[in-house]
C-alpha atoms as a PDB file:
ATOM      1  CA  MET A   1       0.144 -14.718  -0.791  1.00  0.00           C
ATOM      2  CA  GLY A   2       2.971 -16.892  -2.226  1.00  0.00           C
ATOM      3  CA  ASP A   3       5.955 -16.938  -4.544  1.00  0.00           C
ATOM      4  CA  ARG A   4       6.325 -18.111  -8.135  1.00  0.00           C
ATOM      5  CA  ARG A   5       8.047 -21.247  -9.427  1.00  0.00           C
ATOM      6  CA  LEU A   6      10.299 -19.559 -12.001  1.00  0.00           C
ATOM      7  CA  PRO A   7      14.056 -18.807 -12.238  1.00  0.00           C
ATOM      8  CA  GLY A   8      15.243 -16.152  -9.823  1.00  0.00           C
ATOM      9  CA  VAL A   9      12.798 -17.171  -7.074  1.00  0.00           C
ATOM     10  CA  ALA A  10      13.788 -19.303  -4.102  1.00  0.00           C
ATOM     11  CA  ALA A  11      11.580 -22.330  -4.719  1.00  0.00           C
ATOM     12  CA  LEU A  12      12.484 -25.924  -3.988  1.00  0.00           C
ATOM     13  CA  LEU A  13      10.864 -29.095  -2.799  1.00  0.00           C
ATOM     14  CA  THR A  14      11.689 -29.881   0.790  1.00  0.00           C
ATOM     15  CA  ALA A  15      10.143 -32.900   2.438  1.00  0.00           C
ATOM     16  CA  GLY A  16       7.259 -32.755   0.005  1.00  0.00           C
ATOM     17  CA  ALA A  17       6.630 -29.015   0.478  1.00  0.00           C
ATOM     18  CA  LEU A  18       7.452 -26.129  -1.825  1.00  0.00           C
ATOM     19  CA  ALA A  19       9.610 -23.570  -0.001  1.00  0.00           C
ATOM     20  CA  LEU A  20       8.732 -20.005  -0.929  1.00  0.00           C
ATOM     21  CA  THR A  21       9.356 -16.351  -0.303  1.00  0.00           C
ATOM     22  CA  GLY A  22       6.757 -13.897  -1.538  1.00  0.00           C
ATOM     23  CA  CYS A  23       3.073 -13.859  -2.334  1.00  0.00           C
ATOM     24  CA  GLY A  24       2.439 -13.977  -6.071  1.00  0.00           C
ATOM     25  CA  THR A  25       2.893 -16.107  -9.147  1.00  0.00           C
ATOM     26  CA  THR A  26       3.565 -15.621 -12.821  1.00  0.00           C
ATOM     27  CA  VAL A  27       2.161 -19.012 -13.747  1.00  0.00           C
ATOM     28  CA  THR A  28      -1.529 -18.108 -13.797  1.00  0.00           C
ATOM     29  CA  HIS A  29      -2.785 -15.232 -15.911  1.00  0.00           C
ATOM     30  CA  ALA A  30      -4.787 -12.487 -14.244  1.00  0.00           C
ATOM     31  CA  ARG A  31      -8.543 -12.508 -14.117  1.00  0.00           C
ATOM     32  CA  SER A  32      -9.788  -9.125 -15.243  1.00  0.00           C
ATOM     33  CA  ALA A  33     -12.311  -7.350 -13.100  1.00  0.00           C
ATOM     34  CA  ALA A  34     -13.742  -3.930 -12.707  1.00  0.00           C
ATOM     35  CA  ALA A  35     -13.563  -2.365  -9.288  1.00  0.00           C
ATOM     36  CA  PRO A  36     -13.972  -5.053  -6.584  1.00  0.00           C
ATOM     37  CA  ALA A  37     -17.452  -5.587  -5.260  1.00  0.00           C
ATOM     38  CA  ILE A  38     -16.499  -6.555  -1.721  1.00  0.00           C
ATOM     39  CA  VAL A  39     -15.958  -3.784   0.806  1.00  0.00           C
ATOM     40  CA  SER A  40     -13.876  -3.992   3.985  1.00  0.00           C
ATOM     41  CA  ILE A  41     -13.972  -1.491   6.838  1.00  0.00           C
ATOM     42  CA  THR A  42     -10.231  -0.934   6.586  1.00  0.00           C
ATOM     43  CA  THR A  43      -9.896  -1.149   2.846  1.00  0.00           C
ATOM     44  CA  THR A  44     -13.041   0.273   1.245  1.00  0.00           C
ATOM     45  CA  PRO A  45     -12.492   0.226  -2.532  1.00  0.00           C
ATOM     46  CA  THR A  46     -13.465   3.114  -4.747  1.00  0.00           C
ATOM     47  CA  ALA A  47     -14.901   2.501  -8.155  1.00  0.00           C
ATOM     48  CA  ALA A  48     -12.438   4.720  -9.937  1.00  0.00           C
ATOM     49  CA  THR A  49      -9.440   6.915  -9.550  1.00  0.00           C
ATOM     50  CA  PRO A  50     -10.149   9.888  -7.246  1.00  0.00           C
ATOM     51  CA  THR A  51     -11.717  12.736  -9.133  1.00  0.00           C
ATOM     52  CA  ALA A  52      -8.957  15.187  -8.289  1.00  0.00           C
ATOM     53  CA  VAL A  53      -5.250  14.470  -8.412  1.00  0.00           C
ATOM     54  CA  PRO A  54      -3.612  16.178  -5.425  1.00  0.00           C
ATOM     55  CA  PRO A  55      -0.806  18.619  -5.993  1.00  0.00           C
ATOM     56  CA  THR A  56       2.633  17.077  -5.671  1.00  0.00           C
ATOM     57  CA  VAL A  57       4.831  17.945  -2.729  1.00  0.00           C
ATOM     58  CA  ALA A  58       8.517  18.586  -3.264  1.00  0.00           C
ATOM     59  CA  ALA A  59      10.552  15.997  -1.370  1.00  0.00           C
ATOM     60  CA  SER A  60      12.839  18.645   0.070  1.00  0.00           C
ATOM     61  CA  GLU A  61      10.074  20.830   1.444  1.00  0.00           C
ATOM     62  CA  ALA A  62       9.378  20.928   5.161  1.00  0.00           C
ATOM     63  CA  GLY A  63       5.689  21.433   4.424  1.00  0.00           C
ATOM     64  CA  PRO A  64       3.308  23.713   2.560  1.00  0.00           C
ATOM     65  CA  THR A  65       3.831  27.440   2.970  1.00  0.00           C
ATOM     66  CA  THR A  66       0.126  28.296   2.925  1.00  0.00           C
ATOM     67  CA  THR A  67      -1.356  28.824   6.372  1.00  0.00           C
ATOM     68  CA  VAL A  68      -4.279  26.529   7.059  1.00  0.00           C
ATOM     69  CA  ALA A  69      -6.677  26.276   9.990  1.00  0.00           C
ATOM     70  CA  ALA A  70      -8.030  22.823  10.812  1.00  0.00           C
ATOM     71  CA  PRO A  71     -11.585  22.393  12.161  1.00  0.00           C
ATOM     72  CA  LYS A  72     -10.236  20.879  15.423  1.00  0.00           C
ATOM     73  CA  LYS A  73     -13.431  18.866  15.842  1.00  0.00           C
ATOM     74  CA  THR A  74     -12.924  15.363  17.229  1.00  0.00           C
ATOM     75  CA  LEU A  75     -13.886  12.839  14.547  1.00  0.00           C
ATOM     76  CA  LYS A  76     -14.409   9.112  14.797  1.00  0.00           C
ATOM     77  CA  LEU A  77     -14.925   6.478  12.129  1.00  0.00           C
ATOM     78  CA  GLY A  78     -18.401   6.888  10.654  1.00  0.00           C
ATOM     79  CA  ALA A  79     -18.495  10.667  11.167  1.00  0.00           C
ATOM     80  CA  LYS A  80     -20.024  12.875   8.464  1.00  0.00           C
ATOM     81  CA  GLY A  81     -19.945  16.541   7.604  1.00  0.00           C
ATOM     82  CA  LYS A  82     -17.821  19.502   6.633  1.00  0.00           C
ATOM     83  CA  ALA A  83     -14.983  18.674   9.029  1.00  0.00           C
ATOM     84  CA  VAL A  84     -14.582  15.287   7.320  1.00  0.00           C
ATOM     85  CA  THR A  85     -14.577  16.936   3.887  1.00  0.00           C
ATOM     86  CA  TRP A  86     -11.852  19.312   5.104  1.00  0.00           C
ATOM     87  CA  LEU A  87      -9.837  16.345   6.375  1.00  0.00           C
ATOM     88  CA  GLN A  88     -10.159  14.438   3.094  1.00  0.00           C
ATOM     89  CA  THR A  89      -9.279  17.471   0.993  1.00  0.00           C
ATOM     90  CA  ARG A  90      -6.255  18.255   3.128  1.00  0.00           C
ATOM     91  CA  LEU A  91      -4.959  14.683   3.000  1.00  0.00           C
ATOM     92  CA  LYS A  92      -5.222  14.710  -0.805  1.00  0.00           C
ATOM     93  CA  GLU A  93      -3.301  17.995  -0.954  1.00  0.00           C
ATOM     94  CA  LEU A  94      -0.487  16.349   0.998  1.00  0.00           C
ATOM     95  CA  GLY A  95      -0.268  13.256  -1.230  1.00  0.00           C
ATOM     96  CA  TYR A  96      -2.380  10.796   0.743  1.00  0.00           C
ATOM     97  CA  ARG A  97      -5.341   8.894  -0.680  1.00  0.00           C
ATOM     98  CA  PRO A  98      -8.465   9.161   1.504  1.00  0.00           C
ATOM     99  CA  GLY A  99     -10.887   8.366  -1.308  1.00  0.00           C
ATOM    100  CA  ARG A 100     -13.477  10.862  -2.484  1.00  0.00           C
ATOM    101  CA  ALA A 101     -13.888  14.089  -0.525  1.00  0.00           C
ATOM    102  CA  ASP A 102     -17.512  13.244   0.175  1.00  0.00           C
ATOM    103  CA  GLY A 103     -17.738  14.098   3.876  1.00  0.00           C
ATOM    104  CA  ASN A 104     -18.049  10.450   4.943  1.00  0.00           C
ATOM    105  CA  TYR A 105     -15.351   9.101   7.250  1.00  0.00           C
ATOM    106  CA  GLY A 106     -14.972   5.518   6.060  1.00  0.00           C
ATOM    107  CA  GLY A 107     -12.254   2.921   5.645  1.00  0.00           C
ATOM    108  CA  SER A 108     -10.346   4.595   2.801  1.00  0.00           C
ATOM    109  CA  THR A 109     -10.094   7.830   4.764  1.00  0.00           C
ATOM    110  CA  MET A 110      -9.019   5.944   7.881  1.00  0.00           C
ATOM    111  CA  THR A 111      -6.089   4.211   6.170  1.00  0.00           C
ATOM    112  CA  ALA A 112      -4.975   7.571   4.748  1.00  0.00           C
ATOM    113  CA  VAL A 113      -5.164   9.005   8.268  1.00  0.00           C
ATOM    114  CA  TRP A 114      -3.031   6.099   9.528  1.00  0.00           C
ATOM    115  CA  ALA A 115      -0.380   6.839   6.903  1.00  0.00           C
ATOM    116  CA  PHE A 116      -0.393  10.536   7.770  1.00  0.00           C
ATOM    117  CA  GLN A 117      -0.131   9.843  11.495  1.00  0.00           C
ATOM    118  CA  LYS A 118       2.797   7.463  10.999  1.00  0.00           C
ATOM    119  CA  VAL A 119       4.702   9.995   8.896  1.00  0.00           C
ATOM    120  CA  ASN A 120       4.080  12.638  11.576  1.00  0.00           C
ATOM    121  CA  GLY A 121       5.127  10.509  14.547  1.00  0.00           C
ATOM    122  CA  ILE A 122       1.606  10.001  15.877  1.00  0.00           C
ATOM    123  CA  ARG A 123       0.372   6.618  17.053  1.00  0.00           C
ATOM    124  CA  PRO A 124      -2.093   5.458  14.382  1.00  0.00           C
ATOM    125  CA  THR A 125      -5.713   5.672  15.442  1.00  0.00           C
ATOM    126  CA  SER A 126      -9.030   6.185  13.705  1.00  0.00           C
ATOM    127  CA  THR A 127      -9.864   9.095  16.011  1.00  0.00           C
ATOM    128  CA  ILE A 128      -8.950  12.546  14.703  1.00  0.00           C
ATOM    129  CA  ALA A 129      -8.115  14.705  17.699  1.00  0.00           C
ATOM    130  CA  LYS A 130      -5.959  17.713  18.594  1.00  0.00           C
ATOM    131  CA  ARG A 131      -2.557  16.229  17.774  1.00  0.00           C
ATOM    132  CA  THR A 132      -3.598  15.038  14.318  1.00  0.00           C
ATOM    133  CA  TRP A 133      -5.340  18.339  13.501  1.00  0.00           C
ATOM    134  CA  THR A 134      -2.235  20.276  14.551  1.00  0.00           C
ATOM    135  CA  ALA A 135      -0.045  18.067  12.362  1.00  0.00           C
ATOM    136  CA  LEU A 136      -2.395  18.633   9.421  1.00  0.00           C
ATOM    137  CA  GLU A 137      -1.787  22.375   9.826  1.00  0.00           C
ATOM    138  CA  ASN A 138       2.005  21.928   9.909  1.00  0.00           C
ATOM    139  CA  PRO A 139       2.761  18.498   8.388  1.00  0.00           C
ATOM    140  CA  ARG A 140       6.051  16.695   8.019  1.00  0.00           C
ATOM    141  CA  THR A 141       7.109  15.135   4.752  1.00  0.00           C
ATOM    142  CA  PRO A 142       8.123  11.457   4.708  1.00  0.00           C
ATOM    143  CA  LYS A 143      11.710  10.582   5.528  1.00  0.00           C
ATOM    144  CA  VAL A 144      13.666  10.031   2.324  1.00  0.00           C
ATOM    145  CA  LEU A 145      15.133   6.508   2.435  1.00  0.00           C
ATOM    146  CA  VAL A 146      17.377   6.785  -0.635  1.00  0.00           C
ATOM    147  CA  LYS A 147      18.834  10.288  -0.848  1.00  0.00           C
ATOM    148  CA  ASN A 148      20.513   9.759  -4.212  1.00  0.00           C
ATOM    149  CA  GLY A 149      17.714   7.702  -5.696  1.00  0.00           C
ATOM    150  CA  LYS A 150      16.154   8.184  -9.121  1.00  0.00           C
ATOM    151  CA  PRO A 151      13.654  11.050  -9.343  1.00  0.00           C
ATOM    152  CA  THR A 152      10.911   8.493 -10.011  1.00  0.00           C
ATOM    153  CA  ARG A 153      10.974   5.638  -7.504  1.00  0.00           C
ATOM    154  CA  ALA A 154       9.006   3.855  -4.818  1.00  0.00           C
ATOM    155  CA  GLU A 155      10.283   3.663  -1.239  1.00  0.00           C
ATOM    156  CA  VAL A 156       8.906   1.100   1.212  1.00  0.00           C
ATOM    157  CA  ASN A 157       9.497   1.853   4.880  1.00  0.00           C
ATOM    158  CA  LEU A 158       9.008  -1.446   6.721  1.00  0.00           C
ATOM    159  CA  THR A 159       9.427   0.185  10.133  1.00  0.00           C
ATOM    160  CA  LYS A 160       6.665   2.744   9.616  1.00  0.00           C
ATOM    161  CA  GLN A 161       4.679   0.482   7.270  1.00  0.00           C
ATOM    162  CA  ILE A 162       4.255   3.104   4.565  1.00  0.00           C
ATOM    163  CA  MET A 163       5.059   3.364   0.870  1.00  0.00           C
ATOM    164  CA  VAL A 164       6.010   6.644  -0.791  1.00  0.00           C
ATOM    165  CA  LEU A 165       5.971   7.089  -4.557  1.00  0.00           C
ATOM    166  CA  TYR A 166       8.163   9.848  -5.977  1.00  0.00           C
ATOM    167  CA  VAL A 167       7.568  11.072  -9.529  1.00  0.00           C
ATOM    168  CA  ASP A 168      10.065  13.501 -11.078  1.00  0.00           C
ATOM    169  CA  GLY A 169      11.543  14.185  -7.648  1.00  0.00           C
ATOM    170  CA  GLN A 170       8.250  15.015  -5.984  1.00  0.00           C
ATOM    171  CA  VAL A 171       6.056  13.083  -3.564  1.00  0.00           C
ATOM    172  CA  LYS A 172       3.161  11.788  -5.630  1.00  0.00           C
ATOM    173  CA  LEU A 173       1.544   9.267  -3.295  1.00  0.00           C
ATOM    174  CA  ILE A 174       1.864   8.185   0.338  1.00  0.00           C
ATOM    175  CA  THR A 175       0.025   5.138   1.615  1.00  0.00           C
ATOM    176  CA  HIS A 176      -0.374   2.830   4.563  1.00  0.00           C
ATOM    177  CA  ILE A 177       0.804  -0.742   3.871  1.00  0.00           C
ATOM    178  CA  SER A 178       1.074  -4.151   5.502  1.00  0.00           C
ATOM    179  CA  SER A 179       4.187  -6.149   4.599  1.00  0.00           C
ATOM    180  CA  GLY A 180       5.377  -9.688   5.364  1.00  0.00           C
ATOM    181  CA  SER A 181       4.624 -10.942   8.865  1.00  0.00           C
ATOM    182  CA  GLY A 182       7.957 -12.750   9.187  1.00  0.00           C
ATOM    183  CA  VAL A 183       6.138 -15.785  10.566  1.00  0.00           C
ATOM    184  CA  PRO A 184       7.040 -19.092   8.851  1.00  0.00           C
ATOM    185  CA  TYR A 185       4.040 -20.792   7.260  1.00  0.00           C
ATOM    186  CA  CYS A 186       3.024 -24.032   5.607  1.00  0.00           C
ATOM    187  CA  GLU A 187      -0.300 -24.109   3.796  1.00  0.00           C
ATOM    188  CA  THR A 188      -2.000 -26.627   1.541  1.00  0.00           C
ATOM    189  CA  ALA A 189      -3.750 -25.317  -1.563  1.00  0.00           C
ATOM    190  CA  LYS A 190      -5.058 -26.692  -4.826  1.00  0.00           C
ATOM    191  CA  TRP A 191      -2.739 -25.487  -7.563  1.00  0.00           C
ATOM    192  CA  GLN A 192      -2.352 -26.564 -11.181  1.00  0.00           C
ATOM    193  CA  GLY A 193      -5.047 -29.165 -10.719  1.00  0.00           C
ATOM    194  CA  LYS A 194      -3.646 -30.875  -7.648  1.00  0.00           C
ATOM    195  CA  SER A 195      -3.271 -30.340  -3.933  1.00  0.00           C
ATOM    196  CA  GLN A 196       0.167 -28.964  -3.017  1.00  0.00           C
ATOM    197  CA  ARG A 197       1.805 -27.820   0.190  1.00  0.00           C
ATOM    198  CA  PHE A 198       3.557 -24.456   0.185  1.00  0.00           C
ATOM    199  CA  CYS A 199       5.972 -23.286   2.875  1.00  0.00           C
ATOM    200  CA  GLY A 200       7.750 -19.967   3.290  1.00  0.00           C
ATOM    201  CA  SER A 201       9.095 -17.331   5.643  1.00  0.00           C
ATOM    202  CA  ALA A 202       6.516 -14.576   5.005  1.00  0.00           C
ATOM    203  CA  ARG A 203       9.280 -11.966   4.674  1.00  0.00           C
ATOM    204  CA  THR A 204       9.460  -8.774   2.648  1.00  0.00           C
ATOM    205  CA  PRO A 205      13.218  -8.588   2.037  1.00  0.00           C
ATOM    206  CA  THR A 206      15.010  -5.255   2.135  1.00  0.00           C
ATOM    207  CA  GLY A 207      16.945  -4.286  -0.968  1.00  0.00           C
ATOM    208  CA  ASP A 208      16.819  -2.474  -4.278  1.00  0.00           C
ATOM    209  CA  TYR A 209      14.548  -3.795  -7.004  1.00  0.00           C
ATOM    210  CA  LYS A 210      12.577  -2.699 -10.073  1.00  0.00           C
ATOM    211  CA  THR A 211       8.959  -3.132 -11.042  1.00  0.00           C
ATOM    212  CA  THR A 212       8.430  -5.949 -13.527  1.00  0.00           C
ATOM    213  CA  TRP A 213       5.166  -7.484 -14.690  1.00  0.00           C
ATOM    214  CA  ARG A 214       1.673  -6.728 -13.466  1.00  0.00           C
ATOM    215  CA  ALA A 215      -1.883  -8.021 -13.660  1.00  0.00           C
ATOM    216  CA  LYS A 216      -5.181  -6.193 -13.953  1.00  0.00           C
ATOM    217  CA  GLY A 217      -7.997  -6.835 -11.518  1.00  0.00           C
ATOM    218  CA  TRP A 218      -8.049  -9.859  -9.247  1.00  0.00           C
ATOM    219  CA  HIS A 219      -5.092 -12.200  -9.745  1.00  0.00           C
ATOM    220  CA  ARG A 220      -5.181 -15.690  -8.258  1.00  0.00           C
ATOM    221  CA  SER A 221      -2.072 -16.876  -6.443  1.00  0.00           C
ATOM    222  CA  TYR A 222      -1.775 -20.240  -4.740  1.00  0.00           C
ATOM    223  CA  LEU A 223      -1.887 -18.420  -1.401  1.00  0.00           C
ATOM    224  CA  GLY A 224      -4.750 -16.057  -2.082  1.00  0.00           C
ATOM    225  CA  GLN A 225      -6.042 -13.195  -4.216  1.00  0.00           C
ATOM    226  CA  LEU A 226      -4.109 -10.066  -5.207  1.00  0.00           C
ATOM    227  CA  TYR A 227      -5.800  -6.975  -6.647  1.00  0.00           C
ATOM    228  CA  ASN A 228      -3.936  -5.102  -9.419  1.00  0.00           C
ATOM    229  CA  PRO A 229      -0.556  -6.601  -8.423  1.00  0.00           C
ATOM    230  CA  ILE A 230       2.663  -4.899  -9.549  1.00  0.00           C
ATOM    231  CA  PHE A 231       5.607  -7.254  -9.003  1.00  0.00           C
ATOM    232  CA  PHE A 232       9.070  -5.977  -8.103  1.00  0.00           C
ATOM    233  CA  ASN A 233      10.998  -8.833  -6.457  1.00  0.00           C
ATOM    234  CA  GLY A 234      10.231 -12.268  -7.885  1.00  0.00           C
ATOM    235  CA  GLY A 235       6.802 -13.169  -6.544  1.00  0.00           C
ATOM    236  CA  ILE A 236       6.628 -10.143  -4.251  1.00  0.00           C
ATOM    237  CA  ALA A 237       4.284  -7.376  -5.358  1.00  0.00           C
ATOM    238  CA  PHE A 238       2.413  -4.258  -4.406  1.00  0.00           C
ATOM    239  CA  HIS A 239      -1.264  -5.188  -4.430  1.00  0.00           C
ATOM    240  CA  GLY A 240      -4.651  -4.252  -3.087  1.00  0.00           C
ATOM    241  CA  ALA A 241      -6.142  -6.353  -0.311  1.00  0.00           C
ATOM    242  CA  LEU A 242      -9.380  -6.391   1.636  1.00  0.00           C
ATOM    243  CA  SER A 243      -7.396  -6.521   4.867  1.00  0.00           C
ATOM    244  CA  VAL A 244      -4.522  -4.086   5.461  1.00  0.00           C
ATOM    245  CA  PRO A 245      -4.091  -4.061   9.251  1.00  0.00           C
ATOM    246  CA  LEU A 246      -1.827  -1.942  11.420  1.00  0.00           C
ATOM    247  CA  TYR A 247       0.829  -4.650  11.567  1.00  0.00           C
ATOM    248  CA  PRO A 248       2.808  -6.758   9.058  1.00  0.00           C
ATOM    249  CA  ALA A 249       0.415  -9.543   8.047  1.00  0.00           C
ATOM    250  CA  SER A 250       1.153 -10.696   4.491  1.00  0.00           C
ATOM    251  CA  HIS A 251       3.038 -13.702   3.120  1.00  0.00           C
ATOM    252  CA  GLY A 252       5.667 -11.266   1.812  1.00  0.00           C
ATOM    253  CA  CYS A 253       3.869  -8.897  -0.548  1.00  0.00           C
ATOM    254  CA  VAL A 254       3.168  -5.252   0.195  1.00  0.00           C
ATOM    255  CA  ARG A 255      -0.571  -4.948   0.796  1.00  0.00           C
ATOM    256  CA  MET A 256      -2.239  -1.598   0.344  1.00  0.00           C
ATOM    257  CA  PRO A 257      -5.773  -0.210   0.569  1.00  0.00           C
ATOM    258  CA  MET A 258      -8.013  -1.059  -2.359  1.00  0.00           C
ATOM    259  CA  ASN A 259      -8.556   2.543  -3.470  1.00  0.00           C
ATOM    260  CA  VAL A 260      -4.775   3.019  -3.667  1.00  0.00           C
ATOM    261  CA  ALA A 261      -4.399  -0.197  -5.678  1.00  0.00           C
ATOM    262  CA  VAL A 262      -6.955   1.161  -8.159  1.00  0.00           C
ATOM    263  CA  GLU A 263      -4.846   4.271  -8.787  1.00  0.00           C
ATOM    264  CA  LEU A 264      -1.282   2.960  -8.481  1.00  0.00           C
ATOM    265  CA  PRO A 265      -0.986   1.197 -11.884  1.00  0.00           C
ATOM    266  CA  GLY A 266      -1.545   4.540 -13.627  1.00  0.00           C
ATOM    267  CA  LEU A 267       1.302   6.124 -11.649  1.00  0.00           C
ATOM    268  CA  LEU A 268       3.895   3.358 -11.317  1.00  0.00           C
ATOM    269  CA  GLY A 269       5.369   2.117 -14.590  1.00  0.00           C
ATOM    270  CA  LYS A 270       7.586  -0.837 -15.490  1.00  0.00           C
ATOM    271  CA  GLY A 271      11.273  -0.738 -14.588  1.00  0.00           C
ATOM    272  CA  VAL A 272      10.806   1.834 -11.822  1.00  0.00           C
ATOM    273  CA  PRO A 273      13.214   1.427  -8.864  1.00  0.00           C
ATOM    274  CA  VAL A 274      11.710   0.064  -5.664  1.00  0.00           C
ATOM    275  CA  HIS A 275      13.742   0.508  -2.479  1.00  0.00           C
ATOM    276  CA  VAL A 276      12.748  -1.504   0.594  1.00  0.00           C
ATOM    277  CA  ARG A 277      14.264  -0.421   3.901  1.00  0.00           C
ATOM    278  CA  ARG A 278      13.792  -0.836   7.626  1.00  0.00           C
END
């Protein structure tokens, strides 16, 4: 995705190309849409916010005090049944977003599993085996990046590629993300009625920011489409994407699974601190 050509954003013409950092734009208004119709294996969208909001988890807690017993049945993508329902329910209880607890192990559940595994020091994989089940019984909470931060804030961990949303001092949402690739790019796109060349560094800069404007549904940027974007650093935004791989791949924005992007606007308001760290 790209950056916007407004004050406060590094944008200049260099050898006929527009130099950018970011992935969005404030020039074009959003195109409203309902839930997206396209489905990706890694970012399966849900049509609405999950039916049950998981209990919040205090940031200072080491984990839930209730003893739980995981099914311990090896699961792979595409699996169905009670063990999958248990997995989905448990992930929701811990603040992750696996989609509906419908017993079907699809893309939304997989990206929630990835986030959980990363928080618990497990190499991300779609296979649910002994180590992941054990961690689900005795989970870790995410590392707090800003110890004296506001009770309501978003923390982006670029090293682990996760985002944690705190609301009133409690963990409200944990999700897998894909941030800027760091690879310089130059792309030609039709923008404002003419063909233009856009260049940038594809970075997600570290720092302290605040959420600003947002768009509903699919929003067209000159470097691609952003779903329900919430901007926090110039043209850099949280947004849903049909591809959220296990490595930094964006032009600078923070991509997240589509089902998370459906829910996030109702949880993350304007002017909320966003802390990006490595």
